[in-house]
Amino acid sequence: MRVPVADLYHPPVKRSVEIAGHKTSISLEPLFWEMLNAVAAREGLPLNAVVARIDAERIEAEHPPGLATAIRLWLVDDLRRQFDQ
C-alpha cells in the first residue's frame, strides 16, 4: 500500500514493537512504517524481527543513533542497495 501524497508529510505515528522480549514504542512517519512493512514482507519476517536486526546493527555502530533514526537510515540504505543491484 502506497502512502497518498496528502499523507506524505503526516507527523510521526507511535507504534509498539517488541525487541528481545522487551516492548518499546517507536515514532516514525507513515512512509517509513510502510517501507518497514514492505521489507518485512519481502524477507518473510515479522516486523519485530526486522526492527530487532536494525537495533542490533545500530548498537554495534561507533556512534549509535536513536532507534527511530537508525530505522530511517537503514531503510534509505536498503533502497540504495536495491538501486545498486
PDB file of N, CA and C in Angstrom:
ATOM      1  N   MET A   1       0.843  -1.184   0.000  1.00  0.00           N
ATOM      2  CA  MET A   1       0.000   0.000   0.000  1.00  0.00           C
ATOM      3  C   MET A   1       0.886   1.245   0.000  1.00  0.00           C
ATOM      4  N   ARG A   2       0.595   2.150  -0.878  1.00  0.00           N
ATOM      5  CA  ARG A   2       1.401   3.360  -1.012  1.00  0.00           C
ATOM      6  C   ARG A   2       0.764   4.506  -0.227  1.00  0.00           C
ATOM      7  N   VAL A   3       1.596   5.268   0.473  1.00  0.00           N
ATOM      8  CA  VAL A   3       1.118   6.416   1.243  1.00  0.00           C
ATOM      9  C   VAL A   3       0.669   7.497   0.271  1.00  0.00           C
ATOM     10  N   PRO A   4      -0.596   7.959   0.379  1.00  0.00           N
ATOM     11  CA  PRO A   4      -1.054   9.027  -0.507  1.00  0.00           C
ATOM     12  C   PRO A   4      -0.241  10.299  -0.292  1.00  0.00           C
ATOM     13  N   VAL A   5      -0.073  11.079  -1.353  1.00  0.00           N
ATOM     14  CA  VAL A   5       0.704  12.317  -1.269  1.00  0.00           C
ATOM     15  C   VAL A   5       0.181  13.215  -0.152  1.00  0.00           C
ATOM     16  N   ALA A   6      -1.132  13.248   0.037  1.00  0.00           N
ATOM     17  CA  ALA A   6      -1.713  14.084   1.090  1.00  0.00           C
ATOM     18  C   ALA A   6      -1.208  13.666   2.471  1.00  0.00           C
ATOM     19  N   ASP A   7      -0.829  12.390   2.627  1.00  0.00           N
ATOM     20  CA  ASP A   7      -0.354  11.892   3.917  1.00  0.00           C
ATOM     21  C   ASP A   7       1.164  11.815   4.000  1.00  0.00           C
ATOM     22  N   LEU A   8       1.856  12.184   2.945  1.00  0.00           N
ATOM     23  CA  LEU A   8       3.307  12.068   2.904  1.00  0.00           C
ATOM     24  C   LEU A   8       3.965  12.850   4.035  1.00  0.00           C
ATOM     25  N   TYR A   9       3.429  14.000   4.357  1.00  0.00           N
ATOM     26  CA  TYR A   9       4.034  14.860   5.371  1.00  0.00           C
ATOM     27  C   TYR A   9       3.316  14.749   6.710  1.00  0.00           C
ATOM     28  N   HIS A  10       2.678  13.616   6.927  1.00  0.00           N
ATOM     29  CA  HIS A  10       1.982  13.334   8.180  1.00  0.00           C
ATOM     30  C   HIS A  10       2.996  13.268   9.321  1.00  0.00           C
ATOM     31  N   PRO A  11       2.639  13.765  10.491  1.00  0.00           N
ATOM     32  CA  PRO A  11       3.567  13.657  11.629  1.00  0.00           C
ATOM     33  C   PRO A  11       3.832  12.198  11.983  1.00  0.00           C
ATOM     34  N   PRO A  12       4.887  11.960  12.744  1.00  0.00           N
ATOM     35  CA  PRO A  12       5.205  10.589  13.141  1.00  0.00           C
ATOM     36  C   PRO A  12       4.042   9.912  13.870  1.00  0.00           C
ATOM     37  N   VAL A  13       3.959   8.596  13.682  1.00  0.00           N
ATOM     38  CA  VAL A  13       2.948   7.769  14.326  1.00  0.00           C
ATOM     39  C   VAL A  13       3.691   6.826  15.270  1.00  0.00           C
ATOM     40  N   LYS A  14       3.233   6.757  16.511  1.00  0.00           N
ATOM     41  CA  LYS A  14       3.890   5.911  17.510  1.00  0.00           C
ATOM     42  C   LYS A  14       3.258   4.526  17.489  1.00  0.00           C
ATOM     43  N   ARG A  15       4.106   3.505  17.428  1.00  0.00           N
ATOM     44  CA  ARG A  15       3.650   2.113  17.470  1.00  0.00           C
ATOM     45  C   ARG A  15       4.541   1.331  18.414  1.00  0.00           C
ATOM     46  N   SER A  16       3.975   0.290  18.997  1.00  0.00           N
ATOM     47  CA  SER A  16       4.736  -0.572  19.898  1.00  0.00           C
ATOM     48  C   SER A  16       5.358  -1.727  19.128  1.00  0.00           C
ATOM     49  N   VAL A  17       6.582  -2.049  19.486  1.00  0.00           N
ATOM     50  CA  VAL A  17       7.273  -3.207  18.932  1.00  0.00           C
ATOM     51  C   VAL A  17       7.929  -3.944  20.094  1.00  0.00           C
ATOM     52  N   GLU A  18       8.286  -5.191  19.832  1.00  0.00           N
ATOM     53  CA  GLU A  18       8.974  -5.981  20.843  1.00  0.00           C
ATOM     54  C   GLU A  18      10.341  -6.377  20.314  1.00  0.00           C
ATOM     55  N   ILE A  19      11.375  -6.036  21.087  1.00  0.00           N
ATOM     56  CA  ILE A  19      12.752  -6.346  20.721  1.00  0.00           C
ATOM     57  C   ILE A  19      13.359  -7.149  21.863  1.00  0.00           C
ATOM     58  N   ALA A  20      13.788  -8.345  21.555  1.00  0.00           N
ATOM     59  CA  ALA A  20      14.414  -9.227  22.552  1.00  0.00           C
ATOM     60  C   ALA A  20      13.554  -9.357  23.801  1.00  0.00           C
ATOM     61  N   GLY A  21      12.250  -9.498  23.593  1.00  0.00           N
ATOM     62  CA  GLY A  21      11.337  -9.704  24.710  1.00  0.00           C
ATOM     63  C   GLY A  21      10.943  -8.448  25.462  1.00  0.00           C
ATOM     64  N   HIS A  22      11.404  -7.290  25.002  1.00  0.00           N
ATOM     65  CA  HIS A  22      11.080  -6.029  25.662  1.00  0.00           C
ATOM     66  C   HIS A  22      10.250  -5.160  24.723  1.00  0.00           C
ATOM     67  N   LYS A  23       9.137  -4.643  25.242  1.00  0.00           N
ATOM     68  CA  LYS A  23       8.312  -3.753  24.427  1.00  0.00           C
ATOM     69  C   LYS A  23       8.871  -2.347  24.478  1.00  0.00           C
ATOM     70  N   THR A  24       8.824  -1.701  23.331  1.00  0.00           N
ATOM     71  CA  THR A  24       9.220  -0.306  23.231  1.00  0.00           C
ATOM     72  C   THR A  24       8.331   0.343  22.185  1.00  0.00           C
ATOM     73  N   SER A  25       8.271   1.650  22.185  1.00  0.00           N
ATOM     74  CA  SER A  25       7.485   2.343  21.163  1.00  0.00           C
ATOM     75  C   SER A  25       8.430   3.151  20.289  1.00  0.00           C
ATOM     76  N   ILE A  26       8.056   3.217  19.028  1.00  0.00           N
ATOM     77  CA  ILE A  26       8.853   3.933  18.031  1.00  0.00           C
ATOM     78  C   ILE A  26       7.921   4.888  17.302  1.00  0.00           C
ATOM     79  N   SER A  27       8.375   6.094  17.095  1.00  0.00           N
ATOM     80  CA  SER A  27       7.624   7.085  16.330  1.00  0.00           C
ATOM     81  C   SER A  27       8.280   7.259  14.965  1.00  0.00           C
ATOM     82  N   LEU A  28       7.531   6.913  13.922  1.00  0.00           N
ATOM     83  CA  LEU A  28       8.001   7.072  12.549  1.00  0.00           C
ATOM     84  C   LEU A  28       6.876   7.648  11.698  1.00  0.00           C
ATOM     85  N   GLU A  29       7.246   8.356  10.670  1.00  0.00           N
ATOM     86  CA  GLU A  29       6.266   8.852   9.717  1.00  0.00           C
ATOM     87  C   GLU A  29       5.647   7.658   8.992  1.00  0.00           C
ATOM     88  N   PRO A  30       4.378   7.787   8.543  1.00  0.00           N
ATOM     89  CA  PRO A  30       3.713   6.671   7.860  1.00  0.00           C
ATOM     90  C   PRO A  30       4.512   6.089   6.695  1.00  0.00           C
ATOM     91  N   LEU A  31       5.219   6.913   5.950  1.00  0.00           N
ATOM     92  CA  LEU A  31       6.027   6.414   4.833  1.00  0.00           C
ATOM     93  C   LEU A  31       7.053   5.395   5.320  1.00  0.00           C
ATOM     94  N   PHE A  32       7.699   5.688   6.449  1.00  0.00           N
ATOM     95  CA  PHE A  32       8.707   4.768   6.965  1.00  0.00           C
ATOM     96  C   PHE A  32       8.075   3.495   7.521  1.00  0.00           C
ATOM     97  N   TRP A  33       6.878   3.603   8.124  1.00  0.00           N
ATOM     98  CA  TRP A  33       6.180   2.387   8.556  1.00  0.00           C
ATOM     99  C   TRP A  33       5.846   1.524   7.345  1.00  0.00           C
ATOM    100  N   GLU A  34       5.415   2.165   6.264  1.00  0.00           N
ATOM    101  CA  GLU A  34       5.092   1.432   5.034  1.00  0.00           C
ATOM    102  C   GLU A  34       6.340   0.726   4.497  1.00  0.00           C
ATOM    103  N   MET A  35       7.458   1.432   4.466  1.00  0.00           N
ATOM    104  CA  MET A  35       8.700   0.851   3.961  1.00  0.00           C
ATOM    105  C   MET A  35       9.168  -0.301   4.841  1.00  0.00           C
ATOM    106  N   LEU A  36       9.038  -0.136   6.149  1.00  0.00           N
ATOM    107  CA  LEU A  36       9.445  -1.185   7.086  1.00  0.00           C
ATOM    108  C   LEU A  36       8.583  -2.429   6.913  1.00  0.00           C
ATOM    109  N   ASN A  37       7.285  -2.241   6.745  1.00  0.00           N
ATOM    110  CA  ASN A  37       6.387  -3.370   6.496  1.00  0.00           C
ATOM    111  C   ASN A  37       6.716  -4.059   5.175  1.00  0.00           C
ATOM    112  N   ALA A  38       7.100  -3.285   4.175  1.00  0.00           N
ATOM    113  CA  ALA A  38       7.465  -3.867   2.874  1.00  0.00           C
ATOM    114  C   ALA A  38       8.719  -4.726   2.996  1.00  0.00           C
ATOM    115  N   VAL A  39       9.698  -4.281   3.778  1.00  0.00           N
ATOM    116  CA  VAL A  39      10.907  -5.068   3.991  1.00  0.00           C
ATOM    117  C   VAL A  39      10.547  -6.373   4.697  1.00  0.00           C
ATOM    118  N   ALA A  40       9.721  -6.276   5.732  1.00  0.00           N
ATOM    119  CA  ALA A  40       9.313  -7.473   6.471  1.00  0.00           C
ATOM    120  C   ALA A  40       8.614  -8.467   5.544  1.00  0.00           C
ATOM    121  N   ALA A  41       7.726  -7.979   4.694  1.00  0.00           N
ATOM    122  CA  ALA A  41       7.014  -8.853   3.752  1.00  0.00           C
ATOM    123  C   ALA A  41       7.984  -9.459   2.739  1.00  0.00           C
ATOM    124  N   ARG A  42       8.882  -8.635   2.218  1.00  0.00           N
ATOM    125  CA  ARG A  42       9.849  -9.108   1.227  1.00  0.00           C
ATOM    126  C   ARG A  42      10.742 -10.208   1.793  1.00  0.00           C
ATOM    127  N   GLU A  43      11.119 -10.067   3.056  1.00  0.00           N
ATOM    128  CA  GLU A  43      12.018 -11.026   3.678  1.00  0.00           C
ATOM    129  C   GLU A  43      11.279 -12.150   4.404  1.00  0.00           C
ATOM    130  N   GLY A  44       9.943 -12.067   4.427  1.00  0.00           N
ATOM    131  CA  GLY A  44       9.164 -13.101   5.086  1.00  0.00           C
ATOM    132  C   GLY A  44       9.390 -13.147   6.585  1.00  0.00           C
ATOM    133  N   LEU A  45       9.588 -11.989   7.175  1.00  0.00           N
ATOM    134  CA  LEU A  45       9.850 -11.888   8.607  1.00  0.00           C
ATOM    135  C   LEU A  45       8.800 -11.027   9.287  1.00  0.00           C
ATOM    136  N   PRO A  46       8.581 -11.260  10.579  1.00  0.00           N
ATOM    137  CA  PRO A  46       7.726 -10.335  11.317  1.00  0.00           C
ATOM    138  C   PRO A  46       8.400  -8.963  11.423  1.00  0.00           C
ATOM    139  N   LEU A  47       7.600  -7.944  11.512  1.00  0.00           N
ATOM    140  CA  LEU A  47       8.120  -6.580  11.654  1.00  0.00           C
ATOM    141  C   LEU A  47       9.084  -6.486  12.830  1.00  0.00           C
ATOM    142  N   ASN A  48       8.728  -7.106  13.950  1.00  0.00           N
ATOM    143  CA  ASN A  48       9.592  -7.065  15.133  1.00  0.00           C
ATOM    144  C   ASN A  48      10.984  -7.627  14.837  1.00  0.00           C
ATOM    145  N   ALA A  49      11.068  -8.661  14.015  1.00  0.00           N
ATOM    146  CA  ALA A  49      12.369  -9.258  13.683  1.00  0.00           C
ATOM    147  C   ALA A  49      13.226  -8.294  12.875  1.00  0.00           C
ATOM    148  N   VAL A  50      12.611  -7.575  11.950  1.00  0.00           N
ATOM    149  CA  VAL A  50      13.362  -6.595  11.155  1.00  0.00           C
ATOM    150  C   VAL A  50      13.856  -5.470  12.060  1.00  0.00           C
ATOM    151  N   VAL A  51      12.990  -4.980  12.932  1.00  0.00           N
ATOM    152  CA  VAL A  51      13.382  -3.912  13.858  1.00  0.00           C
ATOM    153  C   VAL A  51      14.490  -4.400  14.787  1.00  0.00           C
ATOM    154  N   ALA A  52      14.400  -5.631  15.259  1.00  0.00           N
ATOM    155  CA  ALA A  52      15.440  -6.182  16.144  1.00  0.00           C
ATOM    156  C   ALA A  52      16.778  -6.253  15.423  1.00  0.00           C
ATOM    157  N   ARG A  53      16.770  -6.630  14.156  1.00  0.00           N
ATOM    158  CA  ARG A  53      18.007  -6.692  13.376  1.00  0.00           C
ATOM    159  C   ARG A  53      18.622  -5.297  13.218  1.00  0.00           C
ATOM    160  N   ILE A  54      17.773  -4.323  12.903  1.00  0.00           N
ATOM    161  CA  ILE A  54      18.259  -2.943  12.770  1.00  0.00           C
ATOM    162  C   ILE A  54      18.823  -2.464  14.110  1.00  0.00           C
ATOM    163  N   ASP A  55      18.129  -2.784  15.196  1.00  0.00           N
ATOM    164  CA  ASP A  55      18.575  -2.380  16.524  1.00  0.00           C
ATOM    165  C   ASP A  55      19.936  -2.989  16.849  1.00  0.00           C
ATOM    166  N   ALA A  56      20.130  -4.263  16.529  1.00  0.00           N
ATOM    167  CA  ALA A  56      21.410  -4.923  16.794  1.00  0.00           C
ATOM    168  C   ALA A  56      22.535  -4.264  16.003  1.00  0.00           C
ATOM    169  N   GLU A  57      22.277  -3.923  14.741  1.00  0.00           N
ATOM    170  CA  GLU A  57      23.283  -3.245  13.923  1.00  0.00           C
ATOM    171  C   GLU A  57      23.583  -1.864  14.486  1.00  0.00           C
ATOM    172  N   ARG A  58      22.533  -1.178  14.936  1.00  0.00           N
ATOM    173  CA  ARG A  58      22.672   0.175  15.488  1.00  0.00           C
ATOM    174  C   ARG A  58      23.565   0.156  16.719  1.00  0.00           C
ATOM    175  N   ILE A  59      23.356  -0.806  17.598  1.00  0.00           N
ATOM    176  CA  ILE A  59      24.113  -0.888  18.847  1.00  0.00           C
ATOM    177  C   ILE A  59      25.601  -1.105  18.569  1.00  0.00           C
ATOM    178  N   GLU A  60      25.915  -1.777  17.466  1.00  0.00           N
ATOM    179  CA  GLU A  60      27.311  -2.045  17.111  1.00  0.00           C
ATOM    180  C   GLU A  60      28.012  -0.837  16.479  1.00  0.00           C
ATOM    181  N   ALA A  61      27.261   0.186  16.120  1.00  0.00           N
ATOM    182  CA  ALA A  61      27.842   1.362  15.451  1.00  0.00           C
ATOM    183  C   ALA A  61      28.757   2.133  16.402  1.00  0.00           C
ATOM    184  N   GLU A  62      29.740   2.790  15.830  1.00  0.00           N
ATOM    185  CA  GLU A  62      30.659   3.601  16.635  1.00  0.00           C
ATOM    186  C   GLU A  62      29.918   4.723  17.367  1.00  0.00           C
ATOM    187  N   HIS A  63      28.950   5.331  16.669  1.00  0.00           N
ATOM    188  CA  HIS A  63      28.138   6.404  17.254  1.00  0.00           C
ATOM    189  C   HIS A  63      26.666   6.042  17.064  1.00  0.00           C
ATOM    190  N   PRO A  64      26.115   5.156  17.910  1.00  0.00           N
ATOM    191  CA  PRO A  64      24.747   4.674  17.687  1.00  0.00           C
ATOM    192  C   PRO A  64      23.706   5.793  17.793  1.00  0.00           C
ATOM    193  N   PRO A  65      22.893   5.931  16.750  1.00  0.00           N
ATOM    194  CA  PRO A  65      21.799   6.914  16.812  1.00  0.00           C
ATOM    195  C   PRO A  65      20.636   6.319  17.603  1.00  0.00           C
ATOM    196  N   GLY A  66      19.596   7.112  17.803  1.00  0.00           N
ATOM    197  CA  GLY A  66      18.374   6.589  18.395  1.00  0.00           C
ATOM    198  C   GLY A  66      17.762   5.566  17.446  1.00  0.00           C
ATOM    199  N   LEU A  67      16.879   4.739  17.977  1.00  0.00           N
ATOM    200  CA  LEU A  67      16.308   3.660  17.177  1.00  0.00           C
ATOM    201  C   LEU A  67      15.515   4.175  15.980  1.00  0.00           C
ATOM    202  N   ALA A  68      14.685   5.192  16.165  1.00  0.00           N
ATOM    203  CA  ALA A  68      13.889   5.710  15.040  1.00  0.00           C
ATOM    204  C   ALA A  68      14.802   6.243  13.935  1.00  0.00           C
ATOM    205  N   THR A  69      15.838   6.953  14.311  1.00  0.00           N
ATOM    206  CA  THR A  69      16.797   7.457  13.319  1.00  0.00           C
ATOM    207  C   THR A  69      17.492   6.300  12.628  1.00  0.00           C
ATOM    208  N   ALA A  70      17.891   5.285  13.394  1.00  0.00           N
ATOM    209  CA  ALA A  70      18.547   4.118  12.808  1.00  0.00           C
ATOM    210  C   ALA A  70      17.637   3.433  11.794  1.00  0.00           C
ATOM    211  N   ILE A  71      16.360   3.321  12.098  1.00  0.00           N
ATOM    212  CA  ILE A  71      15.416   2.696  11.170  1.00  0.00           C
ATOM    213  C   ILE A  71      15.320   3.508   9.883  1.00  0.00           C
ATOM    214  N   ARG A  72      15.193   4.812  10.010  1.00  0.00           N
ATOM    215  CA  ARG A  72      15.105   5.660   8.811  1.00  0.00           C
ATOM    216  C   ARG A  72      16.358   5.509   7.950  1.00  0.00           C
ATOM    217  N   LEU A  73      17.530   5.577   8.586  1.00  0.00           N
ATOM    218  CA  LEU A  73      18.788   5.453   7.846  1.00  0.00           C
ATOM    219  C   LEU A  73      18.912   4.078   7.200  1.00  0.00           C
ATOM    220  N   TRP A  74      18.546   3.033   7.934  1.00  0.00           N
ATOM    221  CA  TRP A  74      18.625   1.680   7.409  1.00  0.00           C
ATOM    222  C   TRP A  74      17.724   1.523   6.193  1.00  0.00           C
ATOM    223  N   LEU A  75      16.519   2.088   6.264  1.00  0.00           N
ATOM    224  CA  LEU A  75      15.575   1.985   5.148  1.00  0.00           C
ATOM    225  C   LEU A  75      16.091   2.711   3.907  1.00  0.00           C
ATOM    226  N   VAL A  76      16.686   3.879   4.093  1.00  0.00           N
ATOM    227  CA  VAL A  76      17.259   4.600   2.953  1.00  0.00           C
ATOM    228  C   VAL A  76      18.418   3.802   2.368  1.00  0.00           C
ATOM    229  N   ASP A  77      19.244   3.216   3.227  1.00  0.00           N
ATOM    230  CA  ASP A  77      20.350   2.394   2.742  1.00  0.00           C
ATOM    231  C   ASP A  77      19.825   1.153   2.020  1.00  0.00           C
ATOM    232  N   ASP A  78      18.732   0.578   2.499  1.00  0.00           N
ATOM    233  CA  ASP A  78      18.111  -0.566   1.838  1.00  0.00           C
ATOM    234  C   ASP A  78      17.675  -0.188   0.420  1.00  0.00           C
ATOM    235  N   LEU A  79      17.085   0.981   0.265  1.00  0.00           N
ATOM    236  CA  LEU A  79      16.721   1.467  -1.078  1.00  0.00           C
ATOM    237  C   LEU A  79      17.958   1.623  -1.949  1.00  0.00           C
ATOM    238  N   ARG A  80      18.991   2.183  -1.374  1.00  0.00           N
ATOM    239  CA  ARG A  80      20.234   2.377  -2.129  1.00  0.00           C
ATOM    240  C   ARG A  80      20.809   1.038  -2.583  1.00  0.00           C
ATOM    241  N   ARG A  81      20.788   0.039  -1.698  1.00  0.00           N
ATOM    242  CA  ARG A  81      21.277  -1.299  -2.075  1.00  0.00           C
ATOM    243  C   ARG A  81      20.444  -1.876  -3.212  1.00  0.00           C
ATOM    244  N   GLN A  82      19.144  -1.642  -3.205  1.00  0.00           N
ATOM    245  CA  GLN A  82      18.282  -2.149  -4.276  1.00  0.00           C
ATOM    246  C   GLN A  82      18.614  -1.496  -5.612  1.00  0.00           C
ATOM    247  N   PHE A  83      18.908  -0.201  -5.598  1.00  0.00           N
ATOM    248  CA  PHE A  83      19.238   0.505  -6.831  1.00  0.00           C
ATOM    249  C   PHE A  83      20.609   0.114  -7.363  1.00  0.00           C
ATOM    250  N   ASP A  84      21.504  -0.266  -6.459  1.00  0.00           N
ATOM    251  CA  ASP A  84      22.873  -0.631  -6.856  1.00  0.00           C
ATOM    252  C   ASP A  84      22.942  -2.014  -7.492  1.00  0.00           C
ATOM    253  N   GLN A  85      21.891  -2.804  -7.371  1.00  0.00           N
ATOM    254  CA  GLN A  85      21.906  -4.169  -7.920  1.00  0.00           C
ATOM    255  C   GLN A  85      21.781  -4.158  -9.414  1.00  0.00           C
TER     256      GLN A  85
END
